Amino acid sequence: RIEGHPGRLTSDDVTGVVVHSDLRRTGWFRCSDERVSRFHEI
């Protein structure tokens, strides 16, 4: 939440920075059930 900005803000005006240890990705999974794939993603 941004308060006090004089103009209207849109999602294009704000950039979030993802921060985590620089780990090399080594594993992926997908399946025909989109909700299961989504849970793997979250």
ModelCIF file with pLDDT and N, C-alpha, C, O atoms, coordinates in Angstrom:
data_MODEL
#
_entry.id   MODEL 
#
_entity.id                         1 
_entity.type                       polymer 
_entity.pdbx_number_of_molecules   1 
#
_entity_poly.entity_id                      1 
_entity_poly.type                           'polypeptide(L)' 
_entity_poly.nstd_linkage                   no 
_entity_poly.nstd_monomer                   no 
_entity_poly.pdbx_seq_one_letter_code       RIEGHPGRLTSDDVTGVVVHSDLRRTGWFRCSDERVSRFHEI 
_entity_poly.pdbx_seq_one_letter_code_can   RIEGHPGRLTSDDVTGVVVHSDLRRTGWFRCSDERVSRFHEI 
_entity_poly.pdbx_strand_id                 A 
#
loop_
_entity_poly_seq.entity_id 
_entity_poly_seq.num 
_entity_poly_seq.mon_id 
_entity_poly_seq.hetero 
1 1  ARG n 
1 2  ILE n 
1 3  GLU n 
1 4  GLY n 
1 5  HIS n 
1 6  PRO n 
1 7  GLY n 
1 8  ARG n 
1 9  LEU n 
1 10 THR n 
1 11 SER n 
1 12 ASP n 
1 13 ASP n 
1 14 VAL n 
1 15 THR n 
1 16 GLY n 
1 17 VAL n 
1 18 VAL n 
1 19 VAL n 
1 20 HIS n 
1 21 SER n 
1 22 ASP n 
1 23 LEU n 
1 24 ARG n 
1 25 ARG n 
1 26 THR n 
1 27 GLY n 
1 28 TRP n 
1 29 PHE n 
1 30 ARG n 
1 31 CYS n 
1 32 SER n 
1 33 ASP n 
1 34 GLU n 
1 35 ARG n 
1 36 VAL n 
1 37 SER n 
1 38 ARG n 
1 39 PHE n 
1 40 HIS n 
1 41 GLU n 
1 42 ILE n 
#
_struct_asym.id          A 
_struct_asym.entity_id   1 
#
loop_
_ma_qa_metric.id 
_ma_qa_metric.mode 
_ma_qa_metric.name 
_ma_qa_metric.software_group_id 
_ma_qa_metric.type 
1 global pLDDT . pLDDT 
2 local  pLDDT . pLDDT 
#
_ma_qa_metric_global.metric_id      1 
_ma_qa_metric_global.metric_value   94.38 
_ma_qa_metric_global.model_id       1 
_ma_qa_metric_global.ordinal_id     1 
#
loop_
_ma_qa_metric_local.label_asym_id 
_ma_qa_metric_local.label_comp_id 
_ma_qa_metric_local.label_seq_id 
_ma_qa_metric_local.metric_id 
_ma_qa_metric_local.metric_value 
_ma_qa_metric_local.model_id 
_ma_qa_metric_local.ordinal_id 
A ARG 1  2 88.00 1 1  
A ILE 2  2 89.00 1 2  
A GLU 3  2 90.00 1 3  
A GLY 4  2 91.00 1 4  
A HIS 5  2 90.00 1 5  
A PRO 6  2 92.00 1 6  
A GLY 7  2 91.00 1 7  
A ARG 8  2 92.00 1 8  
A LEU 9  2 91.00 1 9  
A THR 10 2 90.00 1 10 
A SER 11 2 87.00 1 11 
A ASP 12 2 92.00 1 12 
A ASP 13 2 92.00 1 13 
A VAL 14 2 90.00 1 14 
A THR 15 2 91.00 1 15 
A GLY 16 2 89.00 1 16 
A VAL 17 2 88.00 1 17 
A VAL 18 2 91.00 1 18 
A VAL 19 2 92.00 1 19 
A HIS 20 2 95.00 1 20 
A SER 21 2 96.00 1 21 
A ASP 22 2 97.00 1 22 
A LEU 23 2 98.00 1 23 
A ARG 24 2 98.00 1 24 
A ARG 25 2 98.00 1 25 
A THR 26 2 98.00 1 26 
A GLY 27 2 98.00 1 27 
A TRP 28 2 98.00 1 28 
A PHE 29 2 98.00 1 29 
A ARG 30 2 98.00 1 30 
A CYS 31 2 98.00 1 31 
A SER 32 2 98.00 1 32 
A ASP 33 2 98.00 1 33 
A GLU 34 2 98.00 1 34 
A ARG 35 2 98.00 1 35 
A VAL 36 2 98.00 1 36 
A SER 37 2 98.00 1 37 
A ARG 38 2 98.00 1 38 
A PHE 39 2 98.00 1 39 
A HIS 40 2 98.00 1 40 
A GLU 41 2 98.00 1 41 
A ILE 42 2 98.00 1 42 
#
loop_
_atom_site.group_PDB 
_atom_site.id 
_atom_site.type_symbol 
_atom_site.label_atom_id 
_atom_site.label_alt_id 
_atom_site.label_comp_id 
_atom_site.label_asym_id 
_atom_site.label_entity_id 
_atom_site.label_seq_id 
_atom_site.pdbx_PDB_ins_code 
_atom_site.Cartn_x 
_atom_site.Cartn_y 
_atom_site.Cartn_z 
_atom_site.occupancy 
_atom_site.B_iso_or_equiv 
_atom_site.pdbx_formal_charge 
_atom_site.auth_seq_id 
_atom_site.auth_comp_id 
_atom_site.auth_asym_id 
_atom_site.auth_atom_id 
_atom_site.pdbx_PDB_model_num 
ATOM 1   N N  . ARG A 1 1  ? 0.851  -1.187  0.000   1.00 88.00 ? 1  ARG A N  1 
ATOM 2   C CA . ARG A 1 1  ? 0.000  0.000   0.000   1.00 88.00 ? 1  ARG A CA 1 
ATOM 3   C C  . ARG A 1 1  ? 0.887  1.237   0.000   1.00 88.00 ? 1  ARG A C  1 
ATOM 4   O O  . ARG A 1 1  ? 1.784  1.366   0.833   1.00 88.00 ? 1  ARG A O  1 
ATOM 5   N N  . ILE A 1 2  ? 0.636  2.130   -0.923  1.00 89.00 ? 2  ILE A N  1 
ATOM 6   C CA . ILE A 1 2  ? 1.398  3.374   -1.011  1.00 89.00 ? 2  ILE A CA 1 
ATOM 7   C C  . ILE A 1 2  ? 0.457  4.534   -0.700  1.00 89.00 ? 2  ILE A C  1 
ATOM 8   O O  . ILE A 1 2  ? -0.566 4.713   -1.361  1.00 89.00 ? 2  ILE A O  1 
ATOM 9   N N  . GLU A 1 3  ? 0.810  5.304   0.297   1.00 90.00 ? 3  GLU A N  1 
ATOM 10  C CA . GLU A 1 3  ? -0.023 6.427   0.714   1.00 90.00 ? 3  GLU A CA 1 
ATOM 11  C C  . GLU A 1 3  ? 0.679  7.747   0.411   1.00 90.00 ? 3  GLU A C  1 
ATOM 12  O O  . GLU A 1 3  ? 1.905  7.827   0.482   1.00 90.00 ? 3  GLU A O  1 
ATOM 13  N N  . GLY A 1 4  ? -0.086 8.775   0.076   1.00 91.00 ? 4  GLY A N  1 
ATOM 14  C CA . GLY A 1 4  ? 0.452  10.121  -0.079  1.00 91.00 ? 4  GLY A CA 1 
ATOM 15  C C  . GLY A 1 4  ? 0.958  10.451  -1.458  1.00 91.00 ? 4  GLY A C  1 
ATOM 16  O O  . GLY A 1 4  ? 1.451  11.557  -1.679  1.00 91.00 ? 4  GLY A O  1 
ATOM 17  N N  . HIS A 1 5  ? 0.853  9.528   -2.396  1.00 90.00 ? 5  HIS A N  1 
ATOM 18  C CA . HIS A 1 5  ? 1.322  9.835   -3.754  1.00 90.00 ? 5  HIS A CA 1 
ATOM 19  C C  . HIS A 1 5  ? 0.325  10.772  -4.433  1.00 90.00 ? 5  HIS A C  1 
ATOM 20  O O  . HIS A 1 5  ? -0.881 10.533  -4.369  1.00 90.00 ? 5  HIS A O  1 
ATOM 21  N N  . PRO A 1 6  ? 0.801  11.824  -5.075  1.00 92.00 ? 6  PRO A N  1 
ATOM 22  C CA . PRO A 1 6  ? -0.126 12.833  -5.608  1.00 92.00 ? 6  PRO A CA 1 
ATOM 23  C C  . PRO A 1 6  ? -0.937 12.374  -6.814  1.00 92.00 ? 6  PRO A C  1 
ATOM 24  O O  . PRO A 1 6  ? -2.010 12.919  -7.073  1.00 92.00 ? 6  PRO A O  1 
ATOM 25  N N  . GLY A 1 7  ? -0.450 11.392  -7.550  1.00 91.00 ? 7  GLY A N  1 
ATOM 26  C CA . GLY A 1 7  ? -1.159 10.952  -8.746  1.00 91.00 ? 7  GLY A CA 1 
ATOM 27  C C  . GLY A 1 7  ? -1.715 9.552   -8.605  1.00 91.00 ? 7  GLY A C  1 
ATOM 28  O O  . GLY A 1 7  ? -1.554 8.904   -7.570  1.00 91.00 ? 7  GLY A O  1 
ATOM 29  N N  . ARG A 1 8  ? -2.376 9.090   -9.662  1.00 92.00 ? 8  ARG A N  1 
ATOM 30  C CA . ARG A 1 8  ? -2.930 7.738   -9.674  1.00 92.00 ? 8  ARG A CA 1 
ATOM 31  C C  . ARG A 1 8  ? -1.825 6.753   -10.041 1.00 92.00 ? 8  ARG A C  1 
ATOM 32  O O  . ARG A 1 8  ? -1.098 6.961   -11.013 1.00 92.00 ? 8  ARG A O  1 
ATOM 33  N N  . LEU A 1 9  ? -1.702 5.680   -9.260  1.00 91.00 ? 9  LEU A N  1 
ATOM 34  C CA . LEU A 1 9  ? -0.693 4.651   -9.507  1.00 91.00 ? 9  LEU A CA 1 
ATOM 35  C C  . LEU A 1 9  ? -1.321 3.449   -10.193 1.00 91.00 ? 9  LEU A C  1 
ATOM 36  O O  . LEU A 1 9  ? -2.457 3.081   -9.894  1.00 91.00 ? 9  LEU A O  1 
ATOM 37  N N  . THR A 1 10 ? -0.587 2.841   -11.106 1.00 90.00 ? 10 THR A N  1 
ATOM 38  C CA . THR A 1 10 ? -1.010 1.591   -11.726 1.00 90.00 ? 10 THR A CA 1 
ATOM 39  C C  . THR A 1 10 ? 0.072  0.549   -11.470 1.00 90.00 ? 10 THR A C  1 
ATOM 40  O O  . THR A 1 10 ? 1.148  0.864   -10.961 1.00 90.00 ? 10 THR A O  1 
ATOM 41  N N  . SER A 1 11 ? -0.224 -0.677  -11.825 1.00 87.00 ? 11 SER A N  1 
ATOM 42  C CA . SER A 1 11 ? 0.757  -1.749  -11.604 1.00 87.00 ? 11 SER A CA 1 
ATOM 43  C C  . SER A 1 11 ? 2.028  -1.524  -12.411 1.00 87.00 ? 11 SER A C  1 
ATOM 44  O O  . SER A 1 11 ? 3.084  -2.057  -12.068 1.00 87.00 ? 11 SER A O  1 
ATOM 45  N N  . ASP A 1 12 ? 1.937  -0.744  -13.471 1.00 92.00 ? 12 ASP A N  1 
ATOM 46  C CA . ASP A 1 12 ? 3.131  -0.452  -14.277 1.00 92.00 ? 12 ASP A CA 1 
ATOM 47  C C  . ASP A 1 12 ? 4.096  0.498   -13.576 1.00 92.00 ? 12 ASP A C  1 
ATOM 48  O O  . ASP A 1 12 ? 5.260  0.609   -13.960 1.00 92.00 ? 12 ASP A O  1 
ATOM 49  N N  . ASP A 1 13 ? 3.605  1.182   -12.546 1.00 92.00 ? 13 ASP A N  1 
ATOM 50  C CA . ASP A 1 13 ? 4.440  2.163   -11.847 1.00 92.00 ? 13 ASP A CA 1 
ATOM 51  C C  . ASP A 1 13 ? 5.259  1.560   -10.721 1.00 92.00 ? 13 ASP A C  1 
ATOM 52  O O  . ASP A 1 13 ? 6.124  2.235   -10.164 1.00 92.00 ? 13 ASP A O  1 
ATOM 53  N N  . VAL A 1 14 ? 5.007  0.305   -10.372 1.00 90.00 ? 14 VAL A N  1 
ATOM 54  C CA . VAL A 1 14 ? 5.642  -0.313  -9.200  1.00 90.00 ? 14 VAL A CA 1 
ATOM 55  C C  . VAL A 1 14 ? 6.345  -1.598  -9.621  1.00 90.00 ? 14 VAL A C  1 
ATOM 56  O O  . VAL A 1 14 ? 5.767  -2.430  -10.321 1.00 90.00 ? 14 VAL A O  1 
ATOM 57  N N  . THR A 1 15 ? 7.574  -1.751  -9.197  1.00 91.00 ? 15 THR A N  1 
ATOM 58  C CA . THR A 1 15 ? 8.340  -2.969  -9.482  1.00 91.00 ? 15 THR A CA 1 
ATOM 59  C C  . THR A 1 15 ? 8.793  -3.581  -8.163  1.00 91.00 ? 15 THR A C  1 
ATOM 60  O O  . THR A 1 15 ? 9.449  -2.918  -7.360  1.00 91.00 ? 15 THR A O  1 
ATOM 61  N N  . GLY A 1 16 ? 8.447  -4.836  -7.942  1.00 89.00 ? 16 GLY A N  1 
ATOM 62  C CA . GLY A 1 16 ? 8.917  -5.564  -6.762  1.00 89.00 ? 16 GLY A CA 1 
ATOM 63  C C  . GLY A 1 16 ? 10.165 -6.345  -7.111  1.00 89.00 ? 16 GLY A C  1 
ATOM 64  O O  . GLY A 1 16 ? 10.287 -6.873  -8.216  1.00 89.00 ? 16 GLY A O  1 
ATOM 65  N N  . VAL A 1 17 ? 11.085 -6.421  -6.175  1.00 88.00 ? 17 VAL A N  1 
ATOM 66  C CA . VAL A 1 17 ? 12.349 -7.116  -6.397  1.00 88.00 ? 17 VAL A CA 1 
ATOM 67  C C  . VAL A 1 17 ? 12.308 -8.464  -5.673  1.00 88.00 ? 17 VAL A C  1 
ATOM 68  O O  . VAL A 1 17 ? 12.148 -8.512  -4.454  1.00 88.00 ? 17 VAL A O  1 
ATOM 69  N N  . VAL A 1 18 ? 12.452 -9.546  -6.419  1.00 91.00 ? 18 VAL A N  1 
ATOM 70  C CA . VAL A 1 18 ? 12.492 -10.887 -5.824  1.00 91.00 ? 18 VAL A CA 1 
ATOM 71  C C  . VAL A 1 18 ? 13.896 -11.135 -5.287  1.00 91.00 ? 18 VAL A C  1 
ATOM 72  O O  . VAL A 1 18 ? 14.878 -11.035 -6.022  1.00 91.00 ? 18 VAL A O  1 
ATOM 73  N N  . VAL A 1 19 ? 13.983 -11.458 -4.005  1.00 92.00 ? 19 VAL A N  1 
ATOM 74  C CA . VAL A 1 19 ? 15.279 -11.649 -3.353  1.00 92.00 ? 19 VAL A CA 1 
ATOM 75  C C  . VAL A 1 19 ? 15.348 -13.054 -2.761  1.00 92.00 ? 19 VAL A C  1 
ATOM 76  O O  . VAL A 1 19 ? 14.485 -13.446 -1.975  1.00 92.00 ? 19 VAL A O  1 
ATOM 77  N N  . HIS A 1 20 ? 16.365 -13.800 -3.137  1.00 95.00 ? 20 HIS A N  1 
ATOM 78  C CA . HIS A 1 20 ? 16.617 -15.094 -2.505  1.00 95.00 ? 20 HIS A CA 1 
ATOM 79  C C  . HIS A 1 20 ? 18.035 -15.517 -2.853  1.00 95.00 ? 20 HIS A C  1 
ATOM 80  O O  . HIS A 1 20 ? 18.660 -14.948 -3.749  1.00 95.00 ? 20 HIS A O  1 
ATOM 81  N N  . SER A 1 21 ? 18.532 -16.501 -2.152  1.00 96.00 ? 21 SER A N  1 
ATOM 82  C CA . SER A 1 21 ? 19.858 -17.027 -2.469  1.00 96.00 ? 21 SER A CA 1 
ATOM 83  C C  . SER A 1 21 ? 19.890 -17.510 -3.914  1.00 96.00 ? 21 SER A C  1 
ATOM 84  O O  . SER A 1 21 ? 18.903 -18.041 -4.422  1.00 96.00 ? 21 SER A O  1 
ATOM 85  N N  . ASP A 1 22 ? 21.013 -17.323 -4.558  1.00 97.00 ? 22 ASP A N  1 
ATOM 86  C CA . ASP A 1 22 ? 21.135 -17.624 -5.983  1.00 97.00 ? 22 ASP A CA 1 
ATOM 87  C C  . ASP A 1 22 ? 21.346 -19.121 -6.183  1.00 97.00 ? 22 ASP A C  1 
ATOM 88  O O  . ASP A 1 22 ? 22.446 -19.575 -6.496  1.00 97.00 ? 22 ASP A O  1 
ATOM 89  N N  . LEU A 1 23 ? 20.277 -19.868 -5.998  1.00 98.00 ? 23 LEU A N  1 
ATOM 90  C CA . LEU A 1 23 ? 20.322 -21.323 -6.120  1.00 98.00 ? 23 LEU A CA 1 
ATOM 91  C C  . LEU A 1 23 ? 20.015 -21.735 -7.562  1.00 98.00 ? 23 LEU A C  1 
ATOM 92  O O  . LEU A 1 23 ? 19.104 -21.200 -8.194  1.00 98.00 ? 23 LEU A O  1 
ATOM 93  N N  . ARG A 1 24 ? 20.779 -22.680 -8.057  1.00 98.00 ? 24 ARG A N  1 
ATOM 94  C CA . ARG A 1 24 ? 20.554 -23.179 -9.425  1.00 98.00 ? 24 ARG A CA 1 
ATOM 95  C C  . ARG A 1 24 ? 19.337 -24.090 -9.444  1.00 98.00 ? 24 ARG A C  1 
ATOM 96  O O  . ARG A 1 24 ? 19.271 -25.045 -8.669  1.00 98.00 ? 24 ARG A O  1 
ATOM 97  N N  . ARG A 1 25 ? 18.377 -23.813 -10.311 1.00 98.00 ? 25 ARG A N  1 
ATOM 98  C CA . ARG A 1 25 ? 17.180 -24.641 -10.425 1.00 98.00 ? 25 ARG A CA 1 
ATOM 99  C C  . ARG A 1 25 ? 17.558 -26.004 -10.996 1.00 98.00 ? 25 ARG A C  1 
ATOM 100 O O  . ARG A 1 25 ? 18.287 -26.080 -11.985 1.00 98.00 ? 25 ARG A O  1 
ATOM 101 N N  . THR A 1 26 ? 17.071 -27.077 -10.382 1.00 98.00 ? 26 THR A N  1 
ATOM 102 C CA . THR A 1 26 ? 17.411 -28.425 -10.840 1.00 98.00 ? 26 THR A CA 1 
ATOM 103 C C  . THR A 1 26 ? 16.198 -29.326 -11.028 1.00 98.00 ? 26 THR A C  1 
ATOM 104 O O  . THR A 1 26 ? 16.350 -30.447 -11.511 1.00 98.00 ? 26 THR A O  1 
ATOM 105 N N  . GLY A 1 27 ? 14.990 -28.873 -10.661 1.00 98.00 ? 27 GLY A N  1 
ATOM 106 C CA . GLY A 1 27 ? 13.844 -29.765 -10.734 1.00 98.00 ? 27 GLY A CA 1 
ATOM 107 C C  . GLY A 1 27 ? 12.574 -29.074 -11.190 1.00 98.00 ? 27 GLY A C  1 
ATOM 108 O O  . GLY A 1 27 ? 12.306 -27.931 -10.820 1.00 98.00 ? 27 GLY A O  1 
ATOM 109 N N  . TRP A 1 28 ? 11.784 -29.790 -12.011 1.00 98.00 ? 28 TRP A N  1 
ATOM 110 C CA . TRP A 1 28 ? 10.528 -29.262 -12.530 1.00 98.00 ? 28 TRP A CA 1 
ATOM 111 C C  . TRP A 1 28 ? 9.491  -30.388 -12.556 1.00 98.00 ? 28 TRP A C  1 
ATOM 112 O O  . TRP A 1 28 ? 9.832  -31.566 -12.672 1.00 98.00 ? 28 TRP A O  1 
ATOM 113 N N  . PHE A 1 29 ? 8.217  -29.997 -12.444 1.00 98.00 ? 29 PHE A N  1 
ATOM 114 C CA . PHE A 1 29 ? 7.124  -30.978 -12.517 1.00 98.00 ? 29 PHE A CA 1 
ATOM 115 C C  . PHE A 1 29 ? 5.890  -30.298 -13.101 1.00 98.00 ? 29 PHE A C  1 
ATOM 116 O O  . PHE A 1 29 ? 5.589  -29.144 -12.797 1.00 98.00 ? 29 PHE A O  1 
ATOM 117 N N  . ARG A 1 30 ? 5.183  -31.048 -13.952 1.00 98.00 ? 30 ARG A N  1 
ATOM 118 C CA . ARG A 1 30 ? 3.882  -30.624 -14.459 1.00 98.00 ? 30 ARG A CA 1 
ATOM 119 C C  . ARG A 1 30 ? 3.013  -31.863 -14.640 1.00 98.00 ? 30 ARG A C  1 
ATOM 120 O O  . ARG A 1 30 ? 3.520  -32.975 -14.793 1.00 98.00 ? 30 ARG A O  1 
ATOM 121 N N  . CYS A 1 31 ? 1.688  -31.656 -14.620 1.00 98.00 ? 31 CYS A N  1 
ATOM 122 C CA . CYS A 1 31 ? 0.791  -32.784 -14.868 1.00 98.00 ? 31 CYS A CA 1 
ATOM 123 C C  . CYS A 1 31 ? -0.508 -32.264 -15.476 1.00 98.00 ? 31 CYS A C  1 
ATOM 124 O O  . CYS A 1 31 ? -0.694 -31.058 -15.631 1.00 98.00 ? 31 CYS A O  1 
ATOM 125 N N  . SER A 1 32 ? -1.400 -33.189 -15.816 1.00 98.00 ? 32 SER A N  1 
ATOM 126 C CA . SER A 1 32 ? -2.642 -32.825 -16.499 1.00 98.00 ? 32 SER A CA 1 
ATOM 127 C C  . SER A 1 32 ? -3.620 -32.117 -15.575 1.00 98.00 ? 32 SER A C  1 
ATOM 128 O O  . SER A 1 32 ? -4.548 -31.468 -16.058 1.00 98.00 ? 32 SER A O  1 
ATOM 129 N N  . ASP A 1 33 ? -3.444 -32.220 -14.268 1.00 98.00 ? 33 ASP A N  1 
ATOM 130 C CA . ASP A 1 33 ? -4.319 -31.531 -13.318 1.00 98.00 ? 33 ASP A CA 1 
ATOM 131 C C  . ASP A 1 33 ? -3.723 -30.153 -13.028 1.00 98.00 ? 33 ASP A C  1 
ATOM 132 O O  . ASP A 1 33 ? -2.701 -30.045 -12.350 1.00 98.00 ? 33 ASP A O  1 
ATOM 133 N N  . GLU A 1 34 ? -4.359 -29.111 -13.538 1.00 98.00 ? 34 GLU A N  1 
ATOM 134 C CA . GLU A 1 34 ? -3.801 -27.764 -13.426 1.00 98.00 ? 34 GLU A CA 1 
ATOM 135 C C  . GLU A 1 34 ? -3.659 -27.320 -11.973 1.00 98.00 ? 34 GLU A C  1 
ATOM 136 O O  . GLU A 1 34 ? -2.732 -26.580 -11.645 1.00 98.00 ? 34 GLU A O  1 
ATOM 137 N N  . ARG A 1 35 ? -4.560 -27.757 -11.103 1.00 98.00 ? 35 ARG A N  1 
ATOM 138 C CA . ARG A 1 35 ? -4.479 -27.326 -9.709  1.00 98.00 ? 35 ARG A CA 1 
ATOM 139 C C  . ARG A 1 35 ? -3.283 -27.965 -9.006  1.00 98.00 ? 35 ARG A C  1 
ATOM 140 O O  . ARG A 1 35 ? -2.637 -27.324 -8.177  1.00 98.00 ? 35 ARG A O  1 
ATOM 141 N N  . VAL A 1 36 ? -2.986 -29.213 -9.331  1.00 98.00 ? 36 VAL A N  1 
ATOM 142 C CA . VAL A 1 36 ? -1.817 -29.870 -8.751  1.00 98.00 ? 36 VAL A CA 1 
ATOM 143 C C  . VAL A 1 36 ? -0.543 -29.183 -9.244  1.00 98.00 ? 36 VAL A C  1 
ATOM 144 O O  . VAL A 1 36 ? 0.373  -28.926 -8.463  1.00 98.00 ? 36 VAL A O  1 
ATOM 145 N N  . SER A 1 37 ? -0.495 -28.890 -10.536 1.00 98.00 ? 37 SER A N  1 
ATOM 146 C CA . SER A 1 37 ? 0.664  -28.167 -11.069 1.00 98.00 ? 37 SER A CA 1 
ATOM 147 C C  . SER A 1 37 ? 0.800  -26.807 -10.393 1.00 98.00 ? 37 SER A C  1 
ATOM 148 O O  . SER A 1 37 ? 1.909  -26.357 -10.106 1.00 98.00 ? 37 SER A O  1 
ATOM 149 N N  . ARG A 1 38 ? -0.331 -26.157 -10.142 1.00 98.00 ? 38 ARG A N  1 
ATOM 150 C CA . ARG A 1 38 ? -0.313 -24.857 -9.492  1.00 98.00 ? 38 ARG A CA 1 
ATOM 151 C C  . ARG A 1 38 ? 0.210  -24.977 -8.067  1.00 98.00 ? 38 ARG A C  1 
ATOM 152 O O  . ARG A 1 38 ? 0.966  -24.118 -7.613  1.00 98.00 ? 38 ARG A O  1 
ATOM 153 N N  . PHE A 1 39 ? -0.185 -26.035 -7.353  1.00 98.00 ? 39 PHE A N  1 
ATOM 154 C CA . PHE A 1 39 ? 0.325  -26.195 -5.991  1.00 98.00 ? 39 PHE A CA 1 
ATOM 155 C C  . PHE A 1 39 ? 1.833  -26.409 -6.003  1.00 98.00 ? 39 PHE A C  1 
ATOM 156 O O  . PHE A 1 39 ? 2.541  -25.898 -5.136  1.00 98.00 ? 39 PHE A O  1 
ATOM 157 N N  . HIS A 1 40 ? 2.322  -27.157 -6.977  1.00 98.00 ? 40 HIS A N  1 
ATOM 158 C CA . HIS A 1 40 ? 3.768  -27.330 -7.100  1.00 98.00 ? 40 HIS A CA 1 
ATOM 159 C C  . HIS A 1 40 ? 4.446  -25.979 -7.304  1.00 98.00 ? 40 HIS A C  1 
ATOM 160 O O  . HIS A 1 40 ? 5.517  -25.726 -6.752  1.00 98.00 ? 40 HIS A O  1 
ATOM 161 N N  . GLU A 1 41 ? 3.828  -25.123 -8.088  1.00 98.00 ? 41 GLU A N  1 
ATOM 162 C CA . GLU A 1 41 ? 4.400  -23.802 -8.357  1.00 98.00 ? 41 GLU A CA 1 
ATOM 163 C C  . GLU A 1 41 ? 4.421  -22.929 -7.103  1.00 98.00 ? 41 GLU A C  1 
ATOM 164 O O  . GLU A 1 41 ? 5.406  -22.235 -6.851  1.00 98.00 ? 41 GLU A O  1 
ATOM 165 N N  . ILE A 1 42 ? 3.345  -22.957 -6.316  1.00 98.00 ? 42 ILE A N  1 
ATOM 166 C CA . ILE A 1 42 ? 3.331  -22.093 -5.129  1.00 98.00 ? 42 ILE A CA 1 
ATOM 167 C C  . ILE A 1 42 ? 4.281  -22.636 -4.053  1.00 98.00 ? 42 ILE A C  1 
ATOM 168 O O  . ILE A 1 42 ? 4.404  -22.042 -2.982  1.00 98.00 ? 42 ILE A O  1 
#
